[in-house]
Amino acid sequence: MAGFIGKERHAVDEKGRLMIPVRFRRKFEATASEGIGDAVSGHIEGLYILKAPDGSLELYEPFVWAGMRKSISGLSDFNPEERLLKTLMYESLETVELDRQGRIALSREFLDHAGITRDVIIIGADTKMIIWDPERLCALLQENAGRFASLAGRYF
């Protein structure tokens, strides 16, 4: 299902909890009603959060992560590079629960990785949500402002 599109600004509370935007939570509810989550309670049981190499956090629904897990599981434990990639991926991954208020609890390790102290920008990127510290996102966008056309031309 997925289909997360849009951008919203939210704040992490003093306990490290982040409110997931209502329009994105509705996508979770639709997924659950299709039998992918917990159809009895109408919510997704757990989400996967990944420390991305660019300093952001990526949030995935279980069914999306299942496809990624399948790819990672296909990597060989006997090939040093593939084993290293598995280690790096799983070292950067946690599961989080969506509480009744629509929040997830972010660990100190994940908050520090993303440089998040209070405010965040949540970007819907179709099959995932990308969570950024606003200043880091602004710096990334400014540094790469002139690259959009060349990147789009290369990949589309």
C-alpha atoms as a PDB file:
ATOM      1  CA  MET A   1       0.000   0.000   0.000  1.00  0.00           C
ATOM      2  CA  ALA A   2       2.170   2.839   1.333  1.00  0.00           C
ATOM      3  CA  GLY A   3       1.982   6.002  -0.768  1.00  0.00           C
ATOM      4  CA  PHE A   4       3.379   8.476   1.732  1.00  0.00           C
ATOM      5  CA  ILE A   5       3.551  11.875   0.025  1.00  0.00           C
ATOM      6  CA  GLY A   6       4.059  15.284   1.582  1.00  0.00           C
ATOM      7  CA  LYS A   7       6.133  17.054   4.193  1.00  0.00           C
ATOM      8  CA  GLU A   8       5.254  18.059   7.740  1.00  0.00           C
ATOM      9  CA  ARG A   9       7.032  19.643  10.671  1.00  0.00           C
ATOM     10  CA  HIS A  10       6.591  18.063  14.108  1.00  0.00           C
ATOM     11  CA  ALA A  11       8.402  18.062  17.432  1.00  0.00           C
ATOM     12  CA  VAL A  12       9.895  15.292  19.541  1.00  0.00           C
ATOM     13  CA  ASP A  13       8.667  15.526  23.133  1.00  0.00           C
ATOM     14  CA  GLU A  14      10.857  15.369  26.250  1.00  0.00           C
ATOM     15  CA  LYS A  15      10.557  11.543  26.287  1.00  0.00           C
ATOM     16  CA  GLY A  16      11.778  11.209  22.700  1.00  0.00           C
ATOM     17  CA  ARG A  17       8.349  10.484  21.241  1.00  0.00           C
ATOM     18  CA  LEU A  18       7.489  11.660  17.747  1.00  0.00           C
ATOM     19  CA  MET A  19       3.927  12.140  16.534  1.00  0.00           C
ATOM     20  CA  ILE A  20       3.416  10.570  13.116  1.00  0.00           C
ATOM     21  CA  PRO A  21       1.318  12.882  10.898  1.00  0.00           C
ATOM     22  CA  VAL A  22      -2.366  11.916  10.744  1.00  0.00           C
ATOM     23  CA  ARG A  23      -2.361  11.623   6.959  1.00  0.00           C
ATOM     24  CA  PHE A  24       0.478   9.080   7.183  1.00  0.00           C
ATOM     25  CA  ARG A  25      -1.221   7.172  10.014  1.00  0.00           C
ATOM     26  CA  ARG A  26      -4.281   6.840   7.787  1.00  0.00           C
ATOM     27  CA  LYS A  27      -2.066   4.933   5.356  1.00  0.00           C
ATOM     28  CA  PHE A  28      -1.169   2.529   8.203  1.00  0.00           C
ATOM     29  CA  GLU A  29      -4.864   2.047   8.988  1.00  0.00           C
ATOM     30  CA  ALA A  30      -5.619   1.323   5.327  1.00  0.00           C
ATOM     31  CA  THR A  31      -2.798  -1.222   5.250  1.00  0.00           C
ATOM     32  CA  ALA A  32      -4.121  -2.909   8.405  1.00  0.00           C
ATOM     33  CA  SER A  33      -7.661  -3.038   6.995  1.00  0.00           C
ATOM     34  CA  GLU A  34      -6.261  -4.843   3.954  1.00  0.00           C
ATOM     35  CA  GLY A  35      -5.022  -7.588   6.255  1.00  0.00           C
ATOM     36  CA  ILE A  36      -1.357  -6.622   6.330  1.00  0.00           C
ATOM     37  CA  GLY A  37      -1.305  -5.390   9.928  1.00  0.00           C
ATOM     38  CA  ASP A  38      -3.406  -6.203  12.965  1.00  0.00           C
ATOM     39  CA  ALA A  39      -6.891  -6.237  11.487  1.00  0.00           C
ATOM     40  CA  VAL A  40      -8.557  -6.572  14.893  1.00  0.00           C
ATOM     41  CA  SER A  41      -7.208  -3.326  16.344  1.00  0.00           C
ATOM     42  CA  GLY A  42      -6.785  -1.580  12.988  1.00  0.00           C
ATOM     43  CA  HIS A  43      -3.147  -0.676  13.430  1.00  0.00           C
ATOM     44  CA  ILE A  44       0.301  -1.772  12.359  1.00  0.00           C
ATOM     45  CA  GLU A  45       1.976  -3.756  15.140  1.00  0.00           C
ATOM     46  CA  GLY A  46       5.499  -2.463  14.620  1.00  0.00           C
ATOM     47  CA  LEU A  47       7.443  -0.196  12.315  1.00  0.00           C
ATOM     48  CA  TYR A  48      11.078  -0.423  11.280  1.00  0.00           C
ATOM     49  CA  ILE A  49      13.361   2.559  11.714  1.00  0.00           C
ATOM     50  CA  LEU A  50      16.783   2.782  10.088  1.00  0.00           C
ATOM     51  CA  LYS A  51      19.699   5.154  10.683  1.00  0.00           C
ATOM     52  CA  ALA A  52      20.400   6.246   7.100  1.00  0.00           C
ATOM     53  CA  PRO A  53      23.991   6.998   6.022  1.00  0.00           C
ATOM     54  CA  ASP A  54      23.039  10.600   5.142  1.00  0.00           C
ATOM     55  CA  GLY A  55      22.175  11.438   8.766  1.00  0.00           C
ATOM     56  CA  SER A  56      18.413  11.024   8.485  1.00  0.00           C
ATOM     57  CA  LEU A  57      16.104   8.319   9.832  1.00  0.00           C
ATOM     58  CA  GLU A  58      13.910   6.171   7.603  1.00  0.00           C
ATOM     59  CA  LEU A  59      10.646   4.660   8.820  1.00  0.00           C
ATOM     60  CA  TYR A  60       9.147   1.611   7.107  1.00  0.00           C
ATOM     61  CA  GLU A  61       5.929  -0.361   7.433  1.00  0.00           C
ATOM     62  CA  PRO A  62       6.434  -4.089   8.084  1.00  0.00           C
ATOM     63  CA  PHE A  63       5.348  -5.213   4.625  1.00  0.00           C
ATOM     64  CA  VAL A  64       7.814  -2.823   2.948  1.00  0.00           C
ATOM     65  CA  TRP A  65      10.634  -3.904   5.243  1.00  0.00           C
ATOM     66  CA  ALA A  66       9.811  -7.566   4.480  1.00  0.00           C
ATOM     67  CA  GLY A  67      10.919  -7.016   0.881  1.00  0.00           C
ATOM     68  CA  MET A  68      14.125  -5.352   2.000  1.00  0.00           C
ATOM     69  CA  ARG A  69      14.743  -8.119   4.544  1.00  0.00           C
ATOM     70  CA  LYS A  70      14.417 -10.690   1.773  1.00  0.00           C
ATOM     71  CA  SER A  71      17.118  -8.884  -0.235  1.00  0.00           C
ATOM     72  CA  ILE A  72      19.404  -8.611   2.781  1.00  0.00           C
ATOM     73  CA  SER A  73      18.854 -12.265   3.684  1.00  0.00           C
ATOM     74  CA  GLY A  74      19.992 -13.185   0.182  1.00  0.00           C
ATOM     75  CA  LEU A  75      23.440 -11.772   0.899  1.00  0.00           C
ATOM     76  CA  SER A  76      26.112 -14.335   1.683  1.00  0.00           C
ATOM     77  CA  ASP A  77      27.569 -14.656   5.162  1.00  0.00           C
ATOM     78  CA  PHE A  78      30.704 -16.027   3.501  1.00  0.00           C
ATOM     79  CA  ASN A  79      31.383 -13.014   1.282  1.00  0.00           C
ATOM     80  CA  PRO A  80      33.112 -10.403   3.490  1.00  0.00           C
ATOM     81  CA  GLU A  81      31.527  -7.381   1.764  1.00  0.00           C
ATOM     82  CA  GLU A  82      28.031  -8.845   1.830  1.00  0.00           C
ATOM     83  CA  ARG A  83      28.450  -9.872   5.482  1.00  0.00           C
ATOM     84  CA  LEU A  84      29.653  -6.349   6.297  1.00  0.00           C
ATOM     85  CA  LEU A  85      26.612  -4.833   4.587  1.00  0.00           C
ATOM     86  CA  LYS A  86      24.313  -7.100   6.617  1.00  0.00           C
ATOM     87  CA  THR A  87      26.050  -6.067   9.821  1.00  0.00           C
ATOM     88  CA  LEU A  88      25.863  -2.362   8.943  1.00  0.00           C
ATOM     89  CA  MET A  89      22.180  -2.610   8.020  1.00  0.00           C
ATOM     90  CA  TYR A  90      21.085  -4.503  11.112  1.00  0.00           C
ATOM     91  CA  GLU A  91      23.245  -2.398  13.429  1.00  0.00           C
ATOM     92  CA  SER A  92      21.330   0.618  12.128  1.00  0.00           C
ATOM     93  CA  LEU A  93      17.859  -0.878  12.524  1.00  0.00           C
ATOM     94  CA  GLU A  94      15.271  -0.957  15.310  1.00  0.00           C
ATOM     95  CA  THR A  95      11.592  -1.663  15.598  1.00  0.00           C
ATOM     96  CA  VAL A  96       9.243   0.884  17.144  1.00  0.00           C
ATOM     97  CA  GLU A  97       5.612   0.679  18.174  1.00  0.00           C
ATOM     98  CA  LEU A  98       2.982   3.201  17.210  1.00  0.00           C
ATOM     99  CA  ASP A  99       1.129   4.065  20.449  1.00  0.00           C
ATOM    100  CA  ARG A 100      -2.563   4.962  20.778  1.00  0.00           C
ATOM    101  CA  GLN A 101      -1.769   8.657  20.281  1.00  0.00           C
ATOM    102  CA  GLY A 102       0.063   7.943  17.015  1.00  0.00           C
ATOM    103  CA  ARG A 103       3.576   8.418  18.406  1.00  0.00           C
ATOM    104  CA  ILE A 104       6.760   6.409  18.145  1.00  0.00           C
ATOM    105  CA  ALA A 105       9.549   6.481  20.743  1.00  0.00           C
ATOM    106  CA  LEU A 106      12.969   7.278  19.294  1.00  0.00           C
ATOM    107  CA  SER A 107      16.015   6.045  21.195  1.00  0.00           C
ATOM    108  CA  ARG A 108      18.792   8.446  22.213  1.00  0.00           C
ATOM    109  CA  GLU A 109      21.098   6.650  19.743  1.00  0.00           C
ATOM    110  CA  PHE A 110      18.743   7.366  16.856  1.00  0.00           C
ATOM    111  CA  LEU A 111      18.084  10.961  17.922  1.00  0.00           C
ATOM    112  CA  ASP A 112      21.847  11.583  18.169  1.00  0.00           C
ATOM    113  CA  HIS A 113      22.490   9.973  14.768  1.00  0.00           C
ATOM    114  CA  ALA A 114      20.026  12.374  13.129  1.00  0.00           C
ATOM    115  CA  GLY A 115      21.045  15.397  15.207  1.00  0.00           C
ATOM    116  CA  ILE A 116      17.479  15.762  16.448  1.00  0.00           C
ATOM    117  CA  THR A 117      16.942  17.827  19.571  1.00  0.00           C
ATOM    118  CA  ARG A 118      13.322  18.939  19.186  1.00  0.00           C
ATOM    119  CA  ASP A 119      11.848  19.762  15.766  1.00  0.00           C
ATOM    120  CA  VAL A 120      11.822  17.379  12.813  1.00  0.00           C
ATOM    121  CA  ILE A 121      10.701  17.405   9.212  1.00  0.00           C
ATOM    122  CA  ILE A 122       8.918  14.227   8.137  1.00  0.00           C
ATOM    123  CA  ILE A 123       8.977  13.657   4.387  1.00  0.00           C
ATOM    124  CA  GLY A 124       6.660  11.122   2.791  1.00  0.00           C
ATOM    125  CA  ALA A 125       8.757   9.280   0.218  1.00  0.00           C
ATOM    126  CA  ASP A 126       6.164   6.829  -1.135  1.00  0.00           C
ATOM    127  CA  THR A 127       7.195   3.561   0.576  1.00  0.00           C
ATOM    128  CA  LYS A 128       8.850   5.168   3.600  1.00  0.00           C
ATOM    129  CA  MET A 129       8.990   8.286   5.719  1.00  0.00           C
ATOM    130  CA  ILE A 130      12.277  10.164   6.019  1.00  0.00           C
ATOM    131  CA  ILE A 131      12.842  12.016   9.286  1.00  0.00           C
ATOM    132  CA  TRP A 132      15.256  14.964   9.250  1.00  0.00           C
ATOM    133  CA  ASP A 133      16.524  17.564  11.646  1.00  0.00           C
ATOM    134  CA  PRO A 134      15.304  20.783   9.937  1.00  0.00           C
ATOM    135  CA  GLU A 135      18.754  22.421   9.861  1.00  0.00           C
ATOM    136  CA  ARG A 136      20.412  19.327   8.362  1.00  0.00           C
ATOM    137  CA  LEU A 137      17.713  19.086   5.703  1.00  0.00           C
ATOM    138  CA  CYS A 138      18.024  22.783   4.872  1.00  0.00           C
ATOM    139  CA  ALA A 139      21.817  22.442   4.517  1.00  0.00           C
ATOM    140  CA  LEU A 140      21.430  19.376   2.264  1.00  0.00           C
ATOM    141  CA  LEU A 141      18.912  21.159   0.050  1.00  0.00           C
ATOM    142  CA  GLN A 142      21.054  24.291  -0.211  1.00  0.00           C
ATOM    143  CA  GLU A 143      24.202  22.310  -1.023  1.00  0.00           C
ATOM    144  CA  ASN A 144      22.393  20.422  -3.786  1.00  0.00           C
ATOM    145  CA  ALA A 145      19.985  23.070  -5.098  1.00  0.00           C
ATOM    146  CA  GLY A 146      21.437  23.057  -8.603  1.00  0.00           C
ATOM    147  CA  ARG A 147      21.592  19.262  -8.966  1.00  0.00           C
ATOM    148  CA  PHE A 148      17.896  18.438  -9.343  1.00  0.00           C
ATOM    149  CA  ALA A 149      17.732  18.796 -13.132  1.00  0.00           C
ATOM    150  CA  SER A 150      20.892  16.769 -13.771  1.00  0.00           C
ATOM    151  CA  LEU A 151      19.857  14.004 -11.357  1.00  0.00           C
ATOM    152  CA  ALA A 152      16.344  13.834 -12.791  1.00  0.00           C
ATOM    153  CA  GLY A 153      17.777  13.762 -16.324  1.00  0.00           C
ATOM    154  CA  ARG A 154      20.097  10.909 -15.402  1.00  0.00           C
ATOM    155  CA  TYR A 155      17.511   8.684 -13.754  1.00  0.00           C
ATOM    156  CA  PHE A 156      14.239   9.513 -15.560  1.00  0.00           C
END
